[in-house]
Amino acid sequence: MWGGSDEAVMDGLANAVEAWLGEGREVSFLSCNPADDRPIFEIMRAAGRPELPYLAGYRDLDATLALLSSAGLVVGERLHAAVLAAAVGAPFVAVEYRPKLADFAASVGSETAVVRTDNVTPDTLAEAATSALGLVDTVGGHVNTYRQRLRAAAEVIYRGVRG
C-alpha cells in the first residue's frame, strides 16, 4: 500500500463519507472480501454513521451487481469493485493500493479516476469522481471491446474443443 497506513486511508475515506453525506448524497458500502468487513465497519463508525447500508458482496453476486448498477459513483479499493463497476457501466474511482488498480483504470481509459492510498482526501476523491463521471462512455467503449474479444476467444476455444 502506498503510504503504508491503513488507518490514514480509512480516515481519508471516513472524511469523504462525512462530506458526501453532508452534501445530501447517499452512501452504501460493499465488501468484496470478508477481510474488508472490519475496515468498512471502522470507516462507518469513524464517519459517525455505523448504520449506513452495507452489503457483503462476496455472498451474493446478483445483489452486488444490482447495487453497483444503481450507483451514481463507485469508490473502490479492491480491483474487483472497479472491474465490476466498469462491467455494469457505473463510473468508478479506483483507490490505488497497488499498481494493478491504476493498470486496470488505464486499460479502460480511466487513468484520471485513480487516487493513491497515500493521497486519499475528500478533495482528491472529488476530483477523481468528476473525472470518472465524464469518462462513462469512454470506459463503456473499452469494456465493449474487451467483451467482444473475450467472446471471439471463447468461440475459438469452443470450436477447438468441439472439433
C-alpha atoms as a PDB file:
ATOM      1  CA  MET A   1       0.000   0.000   0.000  1.00  0.00           C
ATOM      2  CA  TRP A   2       1.244   3.451  -0.891  1.00  0.00           C
ATOM      3  CA  GLY A   3       1.910   5.349   2.311  1.00  0.00           C
ATOM      4  CA  GLY A   4       1.799   2.145   4.329  1.00  0.00           C
ATOM      5  CA  SER A   5      -1.010   3.192   6.650  1.00  0.00           C
ATOM      6  CA  ASP A   6      -4.408   1.520   6.621  1.00  0.00           C
ATOM      7  CA  GLU A   7      -5.536   3.988   9.284  1.00  0.00           C
ATOM      8  CA  ALA A   8      -4.703   7.018   7.121  1.00  0.00           C
ATOM      9  CA  VAL A   9      -6.694   5.567   4.206  1.00  0.00           C
ATOM     10  CA  MET A  10      -9.636   4.718   6.453  1.00  0.00           C
ATOM     11  CA  ASP A  11      -9.548   8.231   7.960  1.00  0.00           C
ATOM     12  CA  GLY A  12      -9.487   9.776   4.476  1.00  0.00           C
ATOM     13  CA  LEU A  13     -12.425   7.632   3.378  1.00  0.00           C
ATOM     14  CA  ALA A  14     -14.357   8.395   6.586  1.00  0.00           C
ATOM     15  CA  ASN A  15     -13.814  12.120   5.996  1.00  0.00           C
ATOM     16  CA  ALA A  16     -15.033  11.731   2.408  1.00  0.00           C
ATOM     17  CA  VAL A  17     -18.120   9.822   3.583  1.00  0.00           C
ATOM     18  CA  GLU A  18     -18.908  12.609   6.048  1.00  0.00           C
ATOM     19  CA  ALA A  19     -18.514  15.190   3.271  1.00  0.00           C
ATOM     20  CA  TRP A  20     -20.719  13.233   0.836  1.00  0.00           C
ATOM     21  CA  LEU A  21     -23.423  12.756   3.432  1.00  0.00           C
ATOM     22  CA  GLY A  22     -23.203  16.471   4.257  1.00  0.00           C
ATOM     23  CA  GLU A  23     -23.867  17.182   0.567  1.00  0.00           C
ATOM     24  CA  GLY A  24     -27.013  15.043   0.753  1.00  0.00           C
ATOM     25  CA  ARG A  25     -25.562  12.092  -1.131  1.00  0.00           C
ATOM     26  CA  GLU A  26     -26.451   8.505  -0.366  1.00  0.00           C
ATOM     27  CA  VAL A  27     -23.579   6.243   0.660  1.00  0.00           C
ATOM     28  CA  SER A  28     -23.593   2.449   0.764  1.00  0.00           C
ATOM     29  CA  PHE A  29     -20.748   0.041   1.431  1.00  0.00           C
ATOM     30  CA  LEU A  30     -19.920  -3.131  -0.471  1.00  0.00           C
ATOM     31  CA  SER A  31     -17.404  -5.684   0.701  1.00  0.00           C
ATOM     32  CA  CYS A  32     -15.732  -7.817  -1.971  1.00  0.00           C
ATOM     33  CA  ASN A  33     -13.774  -9.851   0.549  1.00  0.00           C
ATOM     34  CA  PRO A  34     -14.523 -10.954   4.128  1.00  0.00           C
ATOM     35  CA  ALA A  35     -11.214  -9.411   5.217  1.00  0.00           C
ATOM     36  CA  ASP A  36     -12.631  -5.997   4.257  1.00  0.00           C
ATOM     37  CA  ASP A  37     -15.634  -6.152   6.578  1.00  0.00           C
ATOM     38  CA  ARG A  38     -13.821  -4.862   9.674  1.00  0.00           C
ATOM     39  CA  PRO A  39     -12.231  -1.874   7.896  1.00  0.00           C
ATOM     40  CA  ILE A  40     -15.589  -0.987   6.349  1.00  0.00           C
ATOM     41  CA  PHE A  41     -17.295  -1.023   9.733  1.00  0.00           C
ATOM     42  CA  GLU A  42     -14.474   1.111  11.142  1.00  0.00           C
ATOM     43  CA  ILE A  43     -14.915   3.663   8.335  1.00  0.00           C
ATOM     44  CA  MET A  44     -18.658   3.769   9.008  1.00  0.00           C
ATOM     45  CA  ARG A  45     -18.059   4.319  12.738  1.00  0.00           C
ATOM     46  CA  ALA A  46     -15.355   6.944  12.111  1.00  0.00           C
ATOM     47  CA  ALA A  47     -17.783   8.801   9.828  1.00  0.00           C
ATOM     48  CA  GLY A  48     -20.295   8.736  12.684  1.00  0.00           C
ATOM     49  CA  ARG A  49     -22.709   6.615  10.665  1.00  0.00           C
ATOM     50  CA  PRO A  50     -22.468   2.937  11.673  1.00  0.00           C
ATOM     51  CA  GLU A  51     -25.994   2.370  10.355  1.00  0.00           C
ATOM     52  CA  LEU A  52     -25.175   3.052   6.705  1.00  0.00           C
ATOM     53  CA  PRO A  53     -26.249   0.357   4.225  1.00  0.00           C
ATOM     54  CA  TYR A  54     -23.708  -2.455   3.871  1.00  0.00           C
ATOM     55  CA  LEU A  55     -23.653  -5.465   1.549  1.00  0.00           C
ATOM     56  CA  ALA A  56     -21.360  -8.485   1.870  1.00  0.00           C
ATOM     57  CA  GLY A  57     -20.975  -8.707  -1.893  1.00  0.00           C
ATOM     58  CA  TYR A  58     -18.912 -11.872  -1.761  1.00  0.00           C
ATOM     59  CA  ARG A  59     -22.068 -13.667  -0.576  1.00  0.00           C
ATOM     60  CA  ASP A  60     -24.474 -12.502  -3.292  1.00  0.00           C
ATOM     61  CA  LEU A  61     -23.331 -11.685  -6.831  1.00  0.00           C
ATOM     62  CA  ASP A  62     -26.808 -10.646  -8.010  1.00  0.00           C
ATOM     63  CA  ALA A  63     -27.209  -8.162  -5.134  1.00  0.00           C
ATOM     64  CA  THR A  64     -23.678  -6.898  -5.775  1.00  0.00           C
ATOM     65  CA  LEU A  65     -24.353  -6.271  -9.458  1.00  0.00           C
ATOM     66  CA  ALA A  66     -27.694  -4.617  -8.638  1.00  0.00           C
ATOM     67  CA  LEU A  67     -26.039  -2.279  -6.118  1.00  0.00           C
ATOM     68  CA  LEU A  68     -23.219  -1.379  -8.495  1.00  0.00           C
ATOM     69  CA  SER A  69     -25.635  -0.875 -11.408  1.00  0.00           C
ATOM     70  CA  SER A  70     -27.674   1.591  -9.379  1.00  0.00           C
ATOM     71  CA  ALA A  71     -24.656   3.536  -8.097  1.00  0.00           C
ATOM     72  CA  GLY A  72     -24.025   7.051  -9.273  1.00  0.00           C
ATOM     73  CA  LEU A  73     -20.355   6.502  -8.406  1.00  0.00           C
ATOM     74  CA  VAL A  74     -18.337   3.582  -7.067  1.00  0.00           C
ATOM     75  CA  VAL A  75     -15.253   4.264  -4.967  1.00  0.00           C
ATOM     76  CA  GLY A  76     -13.342   1.014  -4.680  1.00  0.00           C
ATOM     77  CA  GLU A  77     -10.063  -0.056  -3.191  1.00  0.00           C
ATOM     78  CA  ARG A  78     -10.456  -3.617  -4.432  1.00  0.00           C
ATOM     79  CA  LEU A  79      -9.797  -4.373  -8.081  1.00  0.00           C
ATOM     80  CA  HIS A  80     -12.982  -6.470  -8.060  1.00  0.00           C
ATOM     81  CA  ALA A  81     -15.077  -3.389  -7.300  1.00  0.00           C
ATOM     82  CA  ALA A  82     -13.541  -1.348 -10.117  1.00  0.00           C
ATOM     83  CA  VAL A  83     -13.826  -4.173 -12.655  1.00  0.00           C
ATOM     84  CA  LEU A  84     -17.443  -4.927 -11.766  1.00  0.00           C
ATOM     85  CA  ALA A  85     -18.352  -1.227 -11.763  1.00  0.00           C
ATOM     86  CA  ALA A  86     -16.878  -0.862 -15.250  1.00  0.00           C
ATOM     87  CA  ALA A  87     -18.674  -4.019 -16.385  1.00  0.00           C
ATOM     88  CA  VAL A  88     -22.082  -2.678 -15.332  1.00  0.00           C
ATOM     89  CA  GLY A  89     -21.431   0.834 -16.635  1.00  0.00           C
ATOM     90  CA  ALA A  90     -21.068   2.600 -13.275  1.00  0.00           C
ATOM     91  CA  PRO A  91     -18.481   5.378 -13.019  1.00  0.00           C
ATOM     92  CA  PHE A  92     -15.713   4.431 -10.613  1.00  0.00           C
ATOM     93  CA  VAL A  93     -12.808   5.867  -8.692  1.00  0.00           C
ATOM     94  CA  ALA A  94     -10.045   3.334  -8.086  1.00  0.00           C
ATOM     95  CA  VAL A  95      -8.281   3.778  -4.756  1.00  0.00           C
ATOM     96  CA  GLU A  96      -4.850   2.500  -5.731  1.00  0.00           C
ATOM     97  CA  TYR A  97      -3.203   0.418  -3.035  1.00  0.00           C
ATOM     98  CA  ARG A  98      -1.224  -1.499  -5.655  1.00  0.00           C
ATOM     99  CA  PRO A  99      -0.353  -0.696  -9.275  1.00  0.00           C
ATOM    100  CA  LYS A 100      -2.916  -3.194 -10.583  1.00  0.00           C
ATOM    101  CA  LEU A 101      -5.718  -0.685  -9.918  1.00  0.00           C
ATOM    102  CA  ALA A 102      -4.035   2.041 -11.961  1.00  0.00           C
ATOM    103  CA  ASP A 103      -3.216  -0.528 -14.657  1.00  0.00           C
ATOM    104  CA  PHE A 104      -6.859  -1.591 -14.871  1.00  0.00           C
ATOM    105  CA  ALA A 105      -8.097   2.004 -14.913  1.00  0.00           C
ATOM    106  CA  ALA A 106      -5.668   2.823 -17.734  1.00  0.00           C
ATOM    107  CA  SER A 107      -6.836  -0.238 -19.690  1.00  0.00           C
ATOM    108  CA  VAL A 108     -10.353   1.224 -19.820  1.00  0.00           C
ATOM    109  CA  GLY A 109      -9.322   4.852 -20.369  1.00  0.00           C
ATOM    110  CA  SER A 110      -9.943   5.931 -16.787  1.00  0.00           C
ATOM    111  CA  GLU A 111      -6.446   6.721 -15.532  1.00  0.00           C
ATOM    112  CA  THR A 112      -7.543  10.133 -14.267  1.00  0.00           C
ATOM    113  CA  ALA A 113     -10.045   8.495 -11.899  1.00  0.00           C
ATOM    114  CA  VAL A 114      -7.382   6.955  -9.657  1.00  0.00           C
ATOM    115  CA  VAL A 115      -6.352   8.127  -6.189  1.00  0.00           C
ATOM    116  CA  ARG A 116      -3.348   6.564  -4.497  1.00  0.00           C
ATOM    117  CA  THR A 117      -3.792   5.401  -0.927  1.00  0.00           C
ATOM    118  CA  ASP A 118      -1.226   7.926   0.276  1.00  0.00           C
ATOM    119  CA  ASN A 119      -3.405  10.744  -1.076  1.00  0.00           C
ATOM    120  CA  VAL A 120      -6.984   9.853  -0.081  1.00  0.00           C
ATOM    121  CA  THR A 121      -8.812  13.031   0.899  1.00  0.00           C
ATOM    122  CA  PRO A 122     -12.297  14.365   0.166  1.00  0.00           C
ATOM    123  CA  ASP A 123     -10.733  16.758  -2.368  1.00  0.00           C
ATOM    124  CA  THR A 124      -8.693  14.150  -4.279  1.00  0.00           C
ATOM    125  CA  LEU A 125     -11.671  11.789  -4.337  1.00  0.00           C
ATOM    126  CA  ALA A 126     -13.954  14.584  -5.572  1.00  0.00           C
ATOM    127  CA  GLU A 127     -11.515  15.459  -8.353  1.00  0.00           C
ATOM    128  CA  ALA A 128     -11.266  11.810  -9.420  1.00  0.00           C
ATOM    129  CA  ALA A 129     -15.056  11.459  -9.206  1.00  0.00           C
ATOM    130  CA  THR A 130     -15.555  14.412 -11.540  1.00  0.00           C
ATOM    131  CA  SER A 131     -13.182  12.743 -13.983  1.00  0.00           C
ATOM    132  CA  ALA A 132     -14.907   9.356 -13.626  1.00  0.00           C
ATOM    133  CA  LEU A 133     -18.327  10.845 -14.322  1.00  0.00           C
ATOM    134  CA  GLY A 134     -17.026  12.301 -17.582  1.00  0.00           C
ATOM    135  CA  LEU A 135     -15.482   9.000 -18.681  1.00  0.00           C
ATOM    136  CA  VAL A 136     -18.529   6.706 -18.604  1.00  0.00           C
ATOM    137  CA  ASP A 137     -18.809   6.480 -22.407  1.00  0.00           C
ATOM    138  CA  THR A 138     -15.054   6.017 -22.849  1.00  0.00           C
ATOM    139  CA  VAL A 139     -14.929   3.241 -20.249  1.00  0.00           C
ATOM    140  CA  GLY A 140     -18.030   1.626 -21.763  1.00  0.00           C
ATOM    141  CA  GLY A 141     -16.396   1.581 -25.187  1.00  0.00           C
ATOM    142  CA  HIS A 142     -13.306  -0.151 -23.813  1.00  0.00           C
ATOM    143  CA  VAL A 143     -15.418  -2.643 -21.872  1.00  0.00           C
ATOM    144  CA  ASN A 144     -17.410  -3.482 -25.012  1.00  0.00           C
ATOM    145  CA  THR A 145     -14.203  -4.023 -26.975  1.00  0.00           C
ATOM    146  CA  TYR A 146     -12.910  -6.408 -24.299  1.00  0.00           C
ATOM    147  CA  ARG A 147     -16.260  -8.230 -24.231  1.00  0.00           C
ATOM    148  CA  GLN A 148     -16.116  -8.730 -27.989  1.00  0.00           C
ATOM    149  CA  ARG A 149     -12.545 -10.035 -27.774  1.00  0.00           C
ATOM    150  CA  LEU A 150     -13.486 -12.443 -24.990  1.00  0.00           C
ATOM    151  CA  ARG A 151     -16.491 -13.732 -26.933  1.00  0.00           C
ATOM    152  CA  ALA A 152     -14.337 -14.265 -30.020  1.00  0.00           C
ATOM    153  CA  ALA A 153     -11.680 -16.091 -27.986  1.00  0.00           C
ATOM    154  CA  ALA A 154     -14.345 -18.222 -26.305  1.00  0.00           C
ATOM    155  CA  GLU A 155     -15.727 -19.157 -29.727  1.00  0.00           C
ATOM    156  CA  VAL A 156     -12.267 -20.215 -30.908  1.00  0.00           C
ATOM    157  CA  ILE A 157     -11.821 -22.336 -27.792  1.00  0.00           C
ATOM    158  CA  TYR A 158     -15.312 -23.818 -28.137  1.00  0.00           C
ATOM    159  CA  ARG A 159     -14.687 -24.752 -31.796  1.00  0.00           C
ATOM    160  CA  GLY A 160     -11.333 -26.267 -30.847  1.00  0.00           C
ATOM    161  CA  VAL A 161     -12.867 -28.385 -28.099  1.00  0.00           C
ATOM    162  CA  ARG A 162     -15.844 -29.446 -30.210  1.00  0.00           C
ATOM    163  CA  GLY A 163     -13.575 -30.275 -33.165  1.00  0.00           C
END
